[in-house]
């Protein structure tokens, strides 16, 4: 099978990581992958075209032209369309940003009306993600296939170096998108009674500037690589991730695989990924979030229980299984054409 893989020159690390893990897991004696860029032609004589990086960005013209033709079938991986699931006020600021968001939604709808009928399958990274893309673009359920990501167990594991600090800390990791809910995390942390936990620090990597100093909050301004992040996970009392929207939620699994108790949202894909191995909370309730933080910081038995459940849960998410399910799908689509 000759697999043509659309590869963008600039893409999020998570997209690149996903694509590479899948390609690395495909049998070399069966699948020959050939990369091409959005401004290049689709490689000739391919059996299948795969775009592993679909989302809210503009669809590549080369992909839509090819899908409408009579060439090899097209599969795309959708990483989420949060603008179709969240109110504009939760992911944009001000009238200009909101107007831009509405314009982007209209453009994506127009593109998908043309592209959707011609795509062989859409891979969604969760069951939630599959339902989201079906609702957004009116795709039939039979053509949207949920396949979970894996987690890199060589990096994210419990037996490794851990960050050792003088004071215990909670960890919150986000890209500072509004959907990550940092403001409520900060407010809930500030509301913890000082008499109960006066020394608990909230550590937030990747501080971009613009946030005021807060009592008990430590901003990390440098970027962390995977190995560094794993050390922070291992040393934390808990990982706090009540995101308003996740199509998958990789940090949940990373923290669990490192043996870190997890608090996350009870909405979107978070409970699907976390299962019964995390403390789930309404992400829009600062009071509920504060109560959950209090439970985590005061209840040693709860943290130990979540640690054990999290390790067991994360063990079930491997990139080898993800790659095997992609191979099964690729074979099925190529077989349909024949």
C-alpha atoms as a PDB file:
ATOM      1  CA  UNK A   1       0.000   0.000   0.000  1.00  0.00           C
ATOM      2  CA  UNK A   2       1.359   3.407  -0.979  1.00  0.00           C
ATOM      3  CA  UNK A   3       0.126   5.984   1.541  1.00  0.00           C
ATOM      4  CA  UNK A   4       0.380   9.663   0.606  1.00  0.00           C
ATOM      5  CA  UNK A   5       0.587  11.700   3.833  1.00  0.00           C
ATOM      6  CA  UNK A   6      -0.147  15.427   3.805  1.00  0.00           C
ATOM      7  CA  UNK A   7       2.513  17.020   6.027  1.00  0.00           C
ATOM      8  CA  UNK A   8       2.351  20.680   6.993  1.00  0.00           C
ATOM      9  CA  UNK A   9       5.581  22.572   7.491  1.00  0.00           C
ATOM     10  CA  UNK A  10       4.168  24.348  10.540  1.00  0.00           C
ATOM     11  CA  UNK A  11       1.866  22.378  12.805  1.00  0.00           C
ATOM     12  CA  UNK A  12       1.264  21.870  16.545  1.00  0.00           C
ATOM     13  CA  UNK A  13       3.585  19.424  18.281  1.00  0.00           C
ATOM     14  CA  UNK A  14       0.604  17.242  19.209  1.00  0.00           C
ATOM     15  CA  UNK A  15      -0.342  16.778  15.524  1.00  0.00           C
ATOM     16  CA  UNK A  16       3.239  15.949  14.561  1.00  0.00           C
ATOM     17  CA  UNK A  17       3.606  13.550  17.472  1.00  0.00           C
ATOM     18  CA  UNK A  18       0.388  11.740  16.542  1.00  0.00           C
ATOM     19  CA  UNK A  19       1.299  11.422  12.871  1.00  0.00           C
ATOM     20  CA  UNK A  20       4.781  10.104  13.597  1.00  0.00           C
ATOM     21  CA  UNK A  21       3.612   7.530  16.148  1.00  0.00           C
ATOM     22  CA  UNK A  22       1.048   6.164  13.696  1.00  0.00           C
ATOM     23  CA  UNK A  23       3.538   5.993  10.809  1.00  0.00           C
ATOM     24  CA  UNK A  24       6.175   4.369  13.025  1.00  0.00           C
ATOM     25  CA  UNK A  25       3.655   1.685  13.990  1.00  0.00           C
ATOM     26  CA  UNK A  26       2.687   0.697  10.442  1.00  0.00           C
ATOM     27  CA  UNK A  27       4.386  -2.422   9.027  1.00  0.00           C
ATOM     28  CA  UNK A  28       7.153  -1.368   6.648  1.00  0.00           C
ATOM     29  CA  UNK A  29       6.642  -4.428   4.457  1.00  0.00           C
ATOM     30  CA  UNK A  30       3.011  -3.421   3.790  1.00  0.00           C
ATOM     31  CA  UNK A  31       2.827   0.375   3.911  1.00  0.00           C
ATOM     32  CA  UNK A  32       5.092   2.783   2.075  1.00  0.00           C
ATOM     33  CA  UNK A  33       4.408   6.340   3.239  1.00  0.00           C
ATOM     34  CA  UNK A  34       5.236   9.320   1.038  1.00  0.00           C
ATOM     35  CA  UNK A  35       4.948  12.849   2.438  1.00  0.00           C
ATOM     36  CA  UNK A  36       3.683  15.829   0.478  1.00  0.00           C
ATOM     37  CA  UNK A  37       3.048  19.456   1.437  1.00  0.00           C
ATOM     38  CA  UNK A  38      -0.192  21.443   0.997  1.00  0.00           C
ATOM     39  CA  UNK A  39       1.369  23.425  -1.871  1.00  0.00           C
ATOM     40  CA  UNK A  40       2.548  20.286  -3.691  1.00  0.00           C
ATOM     41  CA  UNK A  41       0.729  17.769  -5.848  1.00  0.00           C
ATOM     42  CA  UNK A  42      -0.492  14.487  -4.419  1.00  0.00           C
ATOM     43  CA  UNK A  43       2.138  11.794  -5.159  1.00  0.00           C
ATOM     44  CA  UNK A  44       1.234   9.700  -8.179  1.00  0.00           C
ATOM     45  CA  UNK A  45       0.015   6.113  -8.071  1.00  0.00           C
ATOM     46  CA  UNK A  46      -0.911   6.188  -4.396  1.00  0.00           C
ATOM     47  CA  UNK A  47      -3.523   3.845  -2.936  1.00  0.00           C
ATOM     48  CA  UNK A  48      -4.686   6.200  -0.199  1.00  0.00           C
ATOM     49  CA  UNK A  49      -4.316   9.849   0.818  1.00  0.00           C
ATOM     50  CA  UNK A  50      -4.221  10.699   4.534  1.00  0.00           C
ATOM     51  CA  UNK A  51      -4.363  14.161   6.082  1.00  0.00           C
ATOM     52  CA  UNK A  52      -3.572  13.698   9.791  1.00  0.00           C
ATOM     53  CA  UNK A  53      -3.977  17.393  10.697  1.00  0.00           C
ATOM     54  CA  UNK A  54      -7.553  18.601  10.188  1.00  0.00           C
ATOM     55  CA  UNK A  55      -9.217  21.040  12.595  1.00  0.00           C
ATOM     56  CA  UNK A  56     -10.539  24.576  12.504  1.00  0.00           C
ATOM     57  CA  UNK A  57      -7.918  25.697   9.971  1.00  0.00           C
ATOM     58  CA  UNK A  58      -8.668  26.122   6.271  1.00  0.00           C
ATOM     59  CA  UNK A  59      -8.849  22.883   4.305  1.00  0.00           C
ATOM     60  CA  UNK A  60      -5.860  22.478   1.951  1.00  0.00           C
ATOM     61  CA  UNK A  61      -6.928  23.145  -1.635  1.00  0.00           C
ATOM     62  CA  UNK A  62      -4.888  20.213  -2.899  1.00  0.00           C
ATOM     63  CA  UNK A  63      -6.889  17.880  -0.670  1.00  0.00           C
ATOM     64  CA  UNK A  64     -10.318  19.150  -1.683  1.00  0.00           C
ATOM     65  CA  UNK A  65      -9.409  19.055  -5.390  1.00  0.00           C
ATOM     66  CA  UNK A  66      -8.110  15.512  -5.087  1.00  0.00           C
ATOM     67  CA  UNK A  67     -11.154  14.290  -3.112  1.00  0.00           C
ATOM     68  CA  UNK A  68     -13.512  15.622  -5.810  1.00  0.00           C
ATOM     69  CA  UNK A  69     -11.558  13.815  -8.522  1.00  0.00           C
ATOM     70  CA  UNK A  70     -11.297  10.132  -9.291  1.00  0.00           C
ATOM     71  CA  UNK A  71      -7.977   9.455  -7.582  1.00  0.00           C
ATOM     72  CA  UNK A  72      -7.169   7.437  -4.479  1.00  0.00           C
ATOM     73  CA  UNK A  73      -9.610   7.741  -1.546  1.00  0.00           C
ATOM     74  CA  UNK A  74      -8.992  10.353   1.147  1.00  0.00           C
ATOM     75  CA  UNK A  75      -8.976   9.885   4.922  1.00  0.00           C
ATOM     76  CA  UNK A  76      -8.620  12.852   7.275  1.00  0.00           C
ATOM     77  CA  UNK A  77      -8.011  13.021  11.015  1.00  0.00           C
ATOM     78  CA  UNK A  78     -10.070  15.671  12.800  1.00  0.00           C
ATOM     79  CA  UNK A  79      -8.549  17.042  15.995  1.00  0.00           C
ATOM     80  CA  UNK A  80     -11.549  19.121  17.002  1.00  0.00           C
ATOM     81  CA  UNK A  81     -13.902  21.937  16.032  1.00  0.00           C
ATOM     82  CA  UNK A  82     -14.396  23.654  19.379  1.00  0.00           C
ATOM     83  CA  UNK A  83     -15.871  26.772  17.754  1.00  0.00           C
ATOM     84  CA  UNK A  84     -18.934  24.686  16.866  1.00  0.00           C
ATOM     85  CA  UNK A  85     -19.335  23.393  20.448  1.00  0.00           C
ATOM     86  CA  UNK A  86     -18.460  26.289  22.761  1.00  0.00           C
ATOM     87  CA  UNK A  87     -20.059  29.732  23.065  1.00  0.00           C
ATOM     88  CA  UNK A  88     -17.931  32.369  21.347  1.00  0.00           C
ATOM     89  CA  UNK A  89     -17.376  34.217  24.645  1.00  0.00           C
ATOM     90  CA  UNK A  90     -15.521  31.192  26.053  1.00  0.00           C
ATOM     91  CA  UNK A  91     -12.917  30.999  23.304  1.00  0.00           C
ATOM     92  CA  UNK A  92     -12.563  34.572  22.091  1.00  0.00           C
ATOM     93  CA  UNK A  93     -12.252  38.059  23.559  1.00  0.00           C
ATOM     94  CA  UNK A  94     -13.935  41.194  22.294  1.00  0.00           C
ATOM     95  CA  UNK A  95     -16.176  41.872  19.319  1.00  0.00           C
ATOM     96  CA  UNK A  96     -13.393  41.661  16.727  1.00  0.00           C
ATOM     97  CA  UNK A  97     -12.250  38.181  17.777  1.00  0.00           C
ATOM     98  CA  UNK A  98     -15.823  36.954  17.971  1.00  0.00           C
ATOM     99  CA  UNK A  99     -16.589  38.289  14.504  1.00  0.00           C
ATOM    100  CA  UNK A 100     -13.467  36.591  13.155  1.00  0.00           C
ATOM    101  CA  UNK A 101     -14.570  33.347  14.794  1.00  0.00           C
ATOM    102  CA  UNK A 102     -18.013  33.501  13.178  1.00  0.00           C
ATOM    103  CA  UNK A 103     -16.459  34.189   9.791  1.00  0.00           C
ATOM    104  CA  UNK A 104     -14.127  31.207  10.238  1.00  0.00           C
ATOM    105  CA  UNK A 105     -17.091  28.970  11.101  1.00  0.00           C
ATOM    106  CA  UNK A 106     -18.971  30.027   7.972  1.00  0.00           C
ATOM    107  CA  UNK A 107     -15.914  29.367   5.820  1.00  0.00           C
ATOM    108  CA  UNK A 108     -15.360  25.916   7.333  1.00  0.00           C
ATOM    109  CA  UNK A 109     -19.024  25.045   6.782  1.00  0.00           C
ATOM    110  CA  UNK A 110     -18.792  26.059   3.136  1.00  0.00           C
ATOM    111  CA  UNK A 111     -15.594  24.043   2.642  1.00  0.00           C
ATOM    112  CA  UNK A 112     -17.026  20.946   4.308  1.00  0.00           C
ATOM    113  CA  UNK A 113     -20.213  21.088   2.258  1.00  0.00           C
ATOM    114  CA  UNK A 114     -17.947  20.551  -0.758  1.00  0.00           C
ATOM    115  CA  UNK A 115     -15.363  18.242   0.841  1.00  0.00           C
ATOM    116  CA  UNK A 116     -17.512  16.128   3.166  1.00  0.00           C
ATOM    117  CA  UNK A 117     -19.384  14.072   0.538  1.00  0.00           C
ATOM    118  CA  UNK A 118     -16.089  13.036  -1.083  1.00  0.00           C
ATOM    119  CA  UNK A 119     -13.976  12.010   1.936  1.00  0.00           C
ATOM    120  CA  UNK A 120     -13.832   8.241   2.492  1.00  0.00           C
ATOM    121  CA  UNK A 121     -13.500   8.414   6.284  1.00  0.00           C
ATOM    122  CA  UNK A 122     -12.818  10.896   9.044  1.00  0.00           C
ATOM    123  CA  UNK A 123     -10.774   9.676  11.990  1.00  0.00           C
ATOM    124  CA  UNK A 124     -11.863  11.341  15.234  1.00  0.00           C
ATOM    125  CA  UNK A 125      -9.592  11.113  18.266  1.00  0.00           C
ATOM    126  CA  UNK A 126     -12.466  10.265  20.643  1.00  0.00           C
ATOM    127  CA  UNK A 127     -16.133   9.294  20.621  1.00  0.00           C
ATOM    128  CA  UNK A 128     -16.911  12.850  21.705  1.00  0.00           C
ATOM    129  CA  UNK A 129     -14.858  14.150  18.774  1.00  0.00           C
ATOM    130  CA  UNK A 130     -16.742  11.883  16.386  1.00  0.00           C
ATOM    131  CA  UNK A 131     -20.099  13.180  17.561  1.00  0.00           C
ATOM    132  CA  UNK A 132     -18.831  16.776  17.430  1.00  0.00           C
ATOM    133  CA  UNK A 133     -17.691  16.598  13.802  1.00  0.00           C
ATOM    134  CA  UNK A 134     -20.882  14.789  12.777  1.00  0.00           C
ATOM    135  CA  UNK A 135     -22.989  17.591  14.286  1.00  0.00           C
ATOM    136  CA  UNK A 136     -20.831  20.388  12.906  1.00  0.00           C
ATOM    137  CA  UNK A 137     -20.663  19.230   9.285  1.00  0.00           C
ATOM    138  CA  UNK A 138     -23.567  16.816   8.925  1.00  0.00           C
ATOM    139  CA  UNK A 139     -21.358  13.791   8.264  1.00  0.00           C
ATOM    140  CA  UNK A 140     -22.934  10.335   8.492  1.00  0.00           C
ATOM    141  CA  UNK A 141     -21.845   8.371  11.565  1.00  0.00           C
ATOM    142  CA  UNK A 142     -20.699   5.422   9.440  1.00  0.00           C
ATOM    143  CA  UNK A 143     -17.935   7.554   7.897  1.00  0.00           C
ATOM    144  CA  UNK A 144     -16.548   8.925  11.175  1.00  0.00           C
ATOM    145  CA  UNK A 145     -14.300   6.489  13.061  1.00  0.00           C
ATOM    146  CA  UNK A 146     -13.124   7.224  16.631  1.00  0.00           C
ATOM    147  CA  UNK A 147      -9.559   6.082  17.380  1.00  0.00           C
ATOM    148  CA  UNK A 148      -7.930   7.139  20.647  1.00  0.00           C
ATOM    149  CA  UNK A 149      -4.399   8.468  20.874  1.00  0.00           C
ATOM    150  CA  UNK A 150      -1.763   6.609  22.822  1.00  0.00           C
ATOM    151  CA  UNK A 151       0.676   7.897  25.412  1.00  0.00           C
ATOM    152  CA  UNK A 152       4.457   7.585  25.235  1.00  0.00           C
ATOM    153  CA  UNK A 153       5.157   5.218  28.132  1.00  0.00           C
ATOM    154  CA  UNK A 154       8.915   5.505  27.615  1.00  0.00           C
ATOM    155  CA  UNK A 155       8.714   9.149  28.685  1.00  0.00           C
ATOM    156  CA  UNK A 156       5.609   9.332  30.858  1.00  0.00           C
ATOM    157  CA  UNK A 157       6.150   6.676  33.503  1.00  0.00           C
ATOM    158  CA  UNK A 158       6.087   6.667  37.323  1.00  0.00           C
ATOM    159  CA  UNK A 159       9.670   5.484  37.852  1.00  0.00           C
ATOM    160  CA  UNK A 160      11.788   8.430  36.850  1.00  0.00           C
ATOM    161  CA  UNK A 161      13.187  11.686  38.141  1.00  0.00           C
ATOM    162  CA  UNK A 162      10.679  13.870  39.914  1.00  0.00           C
ATOM    163  CA  UNK A 163      10.690  17.552  40.671  1.00  0.00           C
ATOM    164  CA  UNK A 164      11.552  18.035  44.334  1.00  0.00           C
ATOM    165  CA  UNK A 165      10.424  21.330  45.866  1.00  0.00           C
ATOM    166  CA  UNK A 166      10.462  22.778  49.378  1.00  0.00           C
ATOM    167  CA  UNK A 167       6.710  23.318  49.211  1.00  0.00           C
ATOM    168  CA  UNK A 168       4.073  20.920  47.813  1.00  0.00           C
ATOM    169  CA  UNK A 169       2.541  22.007  44.529  1.00  0.00           C
ATOM    170  CA  UNK A 170      -0.383  21.512  42.203  1.00  0.00           C
ATOM    171  CA  UNK A 171       0.349  21.507  38.470  1.00  0.00           C
ATOM    172  CA  UNK A 172      -1.736  23.082  35.710  1.00  0.00           C
ATOM    173  CA  UNK A 173      -0.542  22.734  32.101  1.00  0.00           C
ATOM    174  CA  UNK A 174      -2.186  24.638  29.287  1.00  0.00           C
ATOM    175  CA  UNK A 175      -1.448  26.596  26.147  1.00  0.00           C
ATOM    176  CA  UNK A 176      -3.236  29.655  27.613  1.00  0.00           C
ATOM    177  CA  UNK A 177      -6.175  29.232  25.307  1.00  0.00           C
ATOM    178  CA  UNK A 178      -9.328  30.441  27.025  1.00  0.00           C
ATOM    179  CA  UNK A 179     -10.852  26.973  26.807  1.00  0.00           C
ATOM    180  CA  UNK A 180      -8.188  25.689  29.228  1.00  0.00           C
ATOM    181  CA  UNK A 181     -10.000  27.544  32.023  1.00  0.00           C
ATOM    182  CA  UNK A 182      -6.937  29.005  33.737  1.00  0.00           C
ATOM    183  CA  UNK A 183      -8.821  31.926  35.293  1.00  0.00           C
ATOM    184  CA  UNK A 184     -11.137  29.609  37.230  1.00  0.00           C
ATOM    185  CA  UNK A 185      -8.191  27.437  38.258  1.00  0.00           C
ATOM    186  CA  UNK A 186      -6.454  30.511  39.665  1.00  0.00           C
ATOM    187  CA  UNK A 187      -9.584  31.690  41.484  1.00  0.00           C
ATOM    188  CA  UNK A 188     -10.255  28.257  42.969  1.00  0.00           C
ATOM    189  CA  UNK A 189      -6.662  28.011  44.171  1.00  0.00           C
ATOM    190  CA  UNK A 190      -6.815  31.482  45.694  1.00  0.00           C
ATOM    191  CA  UNK A 191      -9.972  30.446  47.549  1.00  0.00           C
ATOM    192  CA  UNK A 192      -8.314  27.538  49.381  1.00  0.00           C
ATOM    193  CA  UNK A 193      -8.298  28.306  53.133  1.00  0.00           C
ATOM    194  CA  UNK A 194      -4.834  29.365  54.227  1.00  0.00           C
ATOM    195  CA  UNK A 195      -5.398  27.726  57.598  1.00  0.00           C
ATOM    196  CA  UNK A 196      -5.733  24.344  55.891  1.00  0.00           C
ATOM    197  CA  UNK A 197      -3.025  24.544  53.261  1.00  0.00           C
ATOM    198  CA  UNK A 198      -0.902  27.676  53.632  1.00  0.00           C
ATOM    199  CA  UNK A 199       2.078  26.447  51.615  1.00  0.00           C
ATOM    200  CA  UNK A 200       0.439  24.846  48.574  1.00  0.00           C
ATOM    201  CA  UNK A 201       1.805  26.341  45.354  1.00  0.00           C
ATOM    202  CA  UNK A 202       0.082  26.276  41.964  1.00  0.00           C
ATOM    203  CA  UNK A 203       2.709  25.823  39.241  1.00  0.00           C
ATOM    204  CA  UNK A 204       1.788  26.981  35.724  1.00  0.00           C
ATOM    205  CA  UNK A 205       4.383  26.315  32.976  1.00  0.00           C
ATOM    206  CA  UNK A 206       4.656  28.410  29.838  1.00  0.00           C
ATOM    207  CA  UNK A 207       3.644  31.800  31.281  1.00  0.00           C
ATOM    208  CA  UNK A 208       3.244  34.156  28.275  1.00  0.00           C
ATOM    209  CA  UNK A 209       3.032  37.382  30.245  1.00  0.00           C
ATOM    210  CA  UNK A 210       0.041  39.544  30.925  1.00  0.00           C
ATOM    211  CA  UNK A 211      -1.187  37.715  34.005  1.00  0.00           C
ATOM    212  CA  UNK A 212      -0.871  39.548  37.314  1.00  0.00           C
ATOM    213  CA  UNK A 213       1.128  38.093  40.166  1.00  0.00           C
ATOM    214  CA  UNK A 214      -0.957  35.988  42.532  1.00  0.00           C
ATOM    215  CA  UNK A 215      -0.317  34.628  45.983  1.00  0.00           C
ATOM    216  CA  UNK A 216       0.987  31.080  45.844  1.00  0.00           C
ATOM    217  CA  UNK A 217       1.243  30.925  42.040  1.00  0.00           C
ATOM    218  CA  UNK A 218       4.538  30.155  40.337  1.00  0.00           C
ATOM    219  CA  UNK A 219       4.792  30.918  36.624  1.00  0.00           C
ATOM    220  CA  UNK A 220       7.365  29.043  34.543  1.00  0.00           C
ATOM    221  CA  UNK A 221       8.267  31.223  31.592  1.00  0.00           C
ATOM    222  CA  UNK A 222      10.480  28.769  29.699  1.00  0.00           C
ATOM    223  CA  UNK A 223       9.119  26.010  27.491  1.00  0.00           C
ATOM    224  CA  UNK A 224       9.280  22.490  28.918  1.00  0.00           C
ATOM    225  CA  UNK A 225      10.183  19.466  26.834  1.00  0.00           C
ATOM    226  CA  UNK A 226       8.509  16.094  27.418  1.00  0.00           C
ATOM    227  CA  UNK A 227      11.158  14.819  29.831  1.00  0.00           C
ATOM    228  CA  UNK A 228      10.991  17.990  31.935  1.00  0.00           C
ATOM    229  CA  UNK A 229       7.200  17.926  31.981  1.00  0.00           C
ATOM    230  CA  UNK A 230       7.238  14.299  33.155  1.00  0.00           C
ATOM    231  CA  UNK A 231       9.393  15.318  36.143  1.00  0.00           C
ATOM    232  CA  UNK A 232       6.859  18.019  37.069  1.00  0.00           C
ATOM    233  CA  UNK A 233       3.999  15.497  36.811  1.00  0.00           C
ATOM    234  CA  UNK A 234       5.775  13.004  39.075  1.00  0.00           C
ATOM    235  CA  UNK A 235       6.494  15.560  41.768  1.00  0.00           C
ATOM    236  CA  UNK A 236       3.045  17.184  41.897  1.00  0.00           C
ATOM    237  CA  UNK A 237       0.419  16.520  44.544  1.00  0.00           C
ATOM    238  CA  UNK A 238      -2.152  16.590  41.754  1.00  0.00           C
ATOM    239  CA  UNK A 239      -2.663  17.687  38.166  1.00  0.00           C
ATOM    240  CA  UNK A 240      -5.466  20.245  37.712  1.00  0.00           C
ATOM    241  CA  UNK A 241      -7.008  20.230  34.230  1.00  0.00           C
ATOM    242  CA  UNK A 242     -10.670  21.351  34.202  1.00  0.00           C
ATOM    243  CA  UNK A 243     -10.679  22.288  30.519  1.00  0.00           C
ATOM    244  CA  UNK A 244     -13.871  23.622  28.955  1.00  0.00           C
ATOM    245  CA  UNK A 245     -13.231  21.631  25.796  1.00  0.00           C
ATOM    246  CA  UNK A 246     -10.993  18.719  24.889  1.00  0.00           C
ATOM    247  CA  UNK A 247     -11.349  16.552  21.832  1.00  0.00           C
ATOM    248  CA  UNK A 248      -8.986  14.120  23.548  1.00  0.00           C
ATOM    249  CA  UNK A 249      -6.984  15.568  26.438  1.00  0.00           C
ATOM    250  CA  UNK A 250      -3.473  14.131  26.211  1.00  0.00           C
ATOM    251  CA  UNK A 251      -2.214  15.813  29.431  1.00  0.00           C
ATOM    252  CA  UNK A 252      -4.725  13.712  31.394  1.00  0.00           C
ATOM    253  CA  UNK A 253      -3.019  10.516  30.255  1.00  0.00           C
ATOM    254  CA  UNK A 254       0.490  11.939  30.602  1.00  0.00           C
ATOM    255  CA  UNK A 255      -0.144  12.825  34.240  1.00  0.00           C
ATOM    256  CA  UNK A 256      -1.771   9.456  34.990  1.00  0.00           C
ATOM    257  CA  UNK A 257       1.089   7.556  33.351  1.00  0.00           C
ATOM    258  CA  UNK A 258       3.497   9.420  35.653  1.00  0.00           C
ATOM    259  CA  UNK A 259       1.514   8.444  38.750  1.00  0.00           C
ATOM    260  CA  UNK A 260       0.042  11.904  39.325  1.00  0.00           C
ATOM    261  CA  UNK A 261      -3.552  12.159  40.659  1.00  0.00           C
ATOM    262  CA  UNK A 262      -5.772  14.009  38.176  1.00  0.00           C
ATOM    263  CA  UNK A 263      -8.627  16.475  38.541  1.00  0.00           C
ATOM    264  CA  UNK A 264     -10.371  17.177  35.257  1.00  0.00           C
ATOM    265  CA  UNK A 265     -13.661  18.261  33.700  1.00  0.00           C
ATOM    266  CA  UNK A 266     -16.796  16.140  33.552  1.00  0.00           C
ATOM    267  CA  UNK A 267     -17.544  17.372  30.012  1.00  0.00           C
ATOM    268  CA  UNK A 268     -16.394  16.868  26.377  1.00  0.00           C
ATOM    269  CA  UNK A 269     -13.764  14.124  25.989  1.00  0.00           C
ATOM    270  CA  UNK A 270     -12.235  14.462  29.473  1.00  0.00           C
ATOM    271  CA  UNK A 271     -14.390  11.801  31.201  1.00  0.00           C
ATOM    272  CA  UNK A 272     -14.027   9.504  28.177  1.00  0.00           C
ATOM    273  CA  UNK A 273     -10.248   9.560  28.535  1.00  0.00           C
ATOM    274  CA  UNK A 274     -10.102   9.660  32.330  1.00  0.00           C
ATOM    275  CA  UNK A 275     -12.734   6.983  33.003  1.00  0.00           C
ATOM    276  CA  UNK A 276     -13.114   6.387  36.735  1.00  0.00           C
ATOM    277  CA  UNK A 277      -9.461   7.231  37.371  1.00  0.00           C
ATOM    278  CA  UNK A 278      -9.816  10.984  37.948  1.00  0.00           C
ATOM    279  CA  UNK A 279     -11.757  13.399  40.113  1.00  0.00           C
ATOM    280  CA  UNK A 280     -14.326  14.923  37.742  1.00  0.00           C
ATOM    281  CA  UNK A 281     -15.779  18.386  38.264  1.00  0.00           C
ATOM    282  CA  UNK A 282     -18.041  20.909  36.539  1.00  0.00           C
ATOM    283  CA  UNK A 283     -15.431  23.118  34.808  1.00  0.00           C
ATOM    284  CA  UNK A 284     -17.690  26.180  34.860  1.00  0.00           C
ATOM    285  CA  UNK A 285     -18.186  26.158  38.646  1.00  0.00           C
ATOM    286  CA  UNK A 286     -15.369  27.810  40.572  1.00  0.00           C
ATOM    287  CA  UNK A 287     -16.986  26.640  43.817  1.00  0.00           C
ATOM    288  CA  UNK A 288     -17.046  23.003  42.681  1.00  0.00           C
ATOM    289  CA  UNK A 289     -13.469  23.288  41.488  1.00  0.00           C
ATOM    290  CA  UNK A 290     -12.368  24.789  44.802  1.00  0.00           C
ATOM    291  CA  UNK A 291     -14.131  22.044  46.756  1.00  0.00           C
ATOM    292  CA  UNK A 292     -12.436  19.381  44.638  1.00  0.00           C
ATOM    293  CA  UNK A 293      -9.023  21.013  45.128  1.00  0.00           C
ATOM    294  CA  UNK A 294      -9.634  20.989  48.868  1.00  0.00           C
ATOM    295  CA  UNK A 295     -10.463  17.277  48.821  1.00  0.00           C
ATOM    296  CA  UNK A 296      -7.349  16.459  46.816  1.00  0.00           C
ATOM    297  CA  UNK A 297      -4.983  18.424  49.011  1.00  0.00           C
ATOM    298  CA  UNK A 298      -6.381  17.145  52.312  1.00  0.00           C
ATOM    299  CA  UNK A 299      -7.191  13.511  51.531  1.00  0.00           C
ATOM    300  CA  UNK A 300      -4.055  11.384  51.225  1.00  0.00           C
ATOM    301  CA  UNK A 301      -6.086   8.208  50.672  1.00  0.00           C
ATOM    302  CA  UNK A 302      -7.971   9.810  47.768  1.00  0.00           C
ATOM    303  CA  UNK A 303      -4.749  10.841  46.075  1.00  0.00           C
ATOM    304  CA  UNK A 304      -3.277   7.371  46.476  1.00  0.00           C
ATOM    305  CA  UNK A 305      -6.434   5.776  45.089  1.00  0.00           C
ATOM    306  CA  UNK A 306      -6.431   8.096  42.080  1.00  0.00           C
ATOM    307  CA  UNK A 307      -2.741   7.437  41.535  1.00  0.00           C
ATOM    308  CA  UNK A 308      -3.320   3.686  41.300  1.00  0.00           C
ATOM    309  CA  UNK A 309      -6.402   4.017  39.124  1.00  0.00           C
ATOM    310  CA  UNK A 310      -4.614   6.473  36.855  1.00  0.00           C
ATOM    311  CA  UNK A 311      -1.652   4.180  36.259  1.00  0.00           C
ATOM    312  CA  UNK A 312      -4.001   1.346  35.354  1.00  0.00           C
ATOM    313  CA  UNK A 313      -6.060   3.582  33.071  1.00  0.00           C
ATOM    314  CA  UNK A 314      -3.057   5.023  31.225  1.00  0.00           C
ATOM    315  CA  UNK A 315      -1.629   1.546  30.653  1.00  0.00           C
ATOM    316  CA  UNK A 316      -4.540   0.838  28.309  1.00  0.00           C
ATOM    317  CA  UNK A 317      -3.579   3.665  25.927  1.00  0.00           C
ATOM    318  CA  UNK A 318      -0.642   2.677  23.735  1.00  0.00           C
ATOM    319  CA  UNK A 319       0.488   4.032  20.380  1.00  0.00           C
ATOM    320  CA  UNK A 320       0.886   0.478  19.073  1.00  0.00           C
ATOM    321  CA  UNK A 321      -2.866  -0.039  19.398  1.00  0.00           C
ATOM    322  CA  UNK A 322      -3.548   3.352  17.787  1.00  0.00           C
ATOM    323  CA  UNK A 323      -1.365   2.453  14.804  1.00  0.00           C
ATOM    324  CA  UNK A 324      -2.984  -0.996  14.492  1.00  0.00           C
ATOM    325  CA  UNK A 325      -6.465   0.539  14.324  1.00  0.00           C
ATOM    326  CA  UNK A 326      -5.311   3.004  11.659  1.00  0.00           C
ATOM    327  CA  UNK A 327      -3.860   0.144   9.625  1.00  0.00           C
ATOM    328  CA  UNK A 328      -7.152  -1.729   9.897  1.00  0.00           C
ATOM    329  CA  UNK A 329      -9.001   1.349   8.637  1.00  0.00           C
ATOM    330  CA  UNK A 330      -6.543   1.980   5.799  1.00  0.00           C
ATOM    331  CA  UNK A 331      -6.899  -1.624   4.630  1.00  0.00           C
ATOM    332  CA  UNK A 332     -10.691  -1.418   4.736  1.00  0.00           C
ATOM    333  CA  UNK A 333     -10.859   1.794   2.679  1.00  0.00           C
ATOM    334  CA  UNK A 334      -8.394   0.529   0.077  1.00  0.00           C
ATOM    335  CA  UNK A 335     -10.345  -2.737  -0.089  1.00  0.00           C
ATOM    336  CA  UNK A 336     -13.612  -0.875  -0.715  1.00  0.00           C
ATOM    337  CA  UNK A 337     -12.089   0.866  -3.717  1.00  0.00           C
ATOM    338  CA  UNK A 338     -10.961  -2.406  -5.202  1.00  0.00           C
END
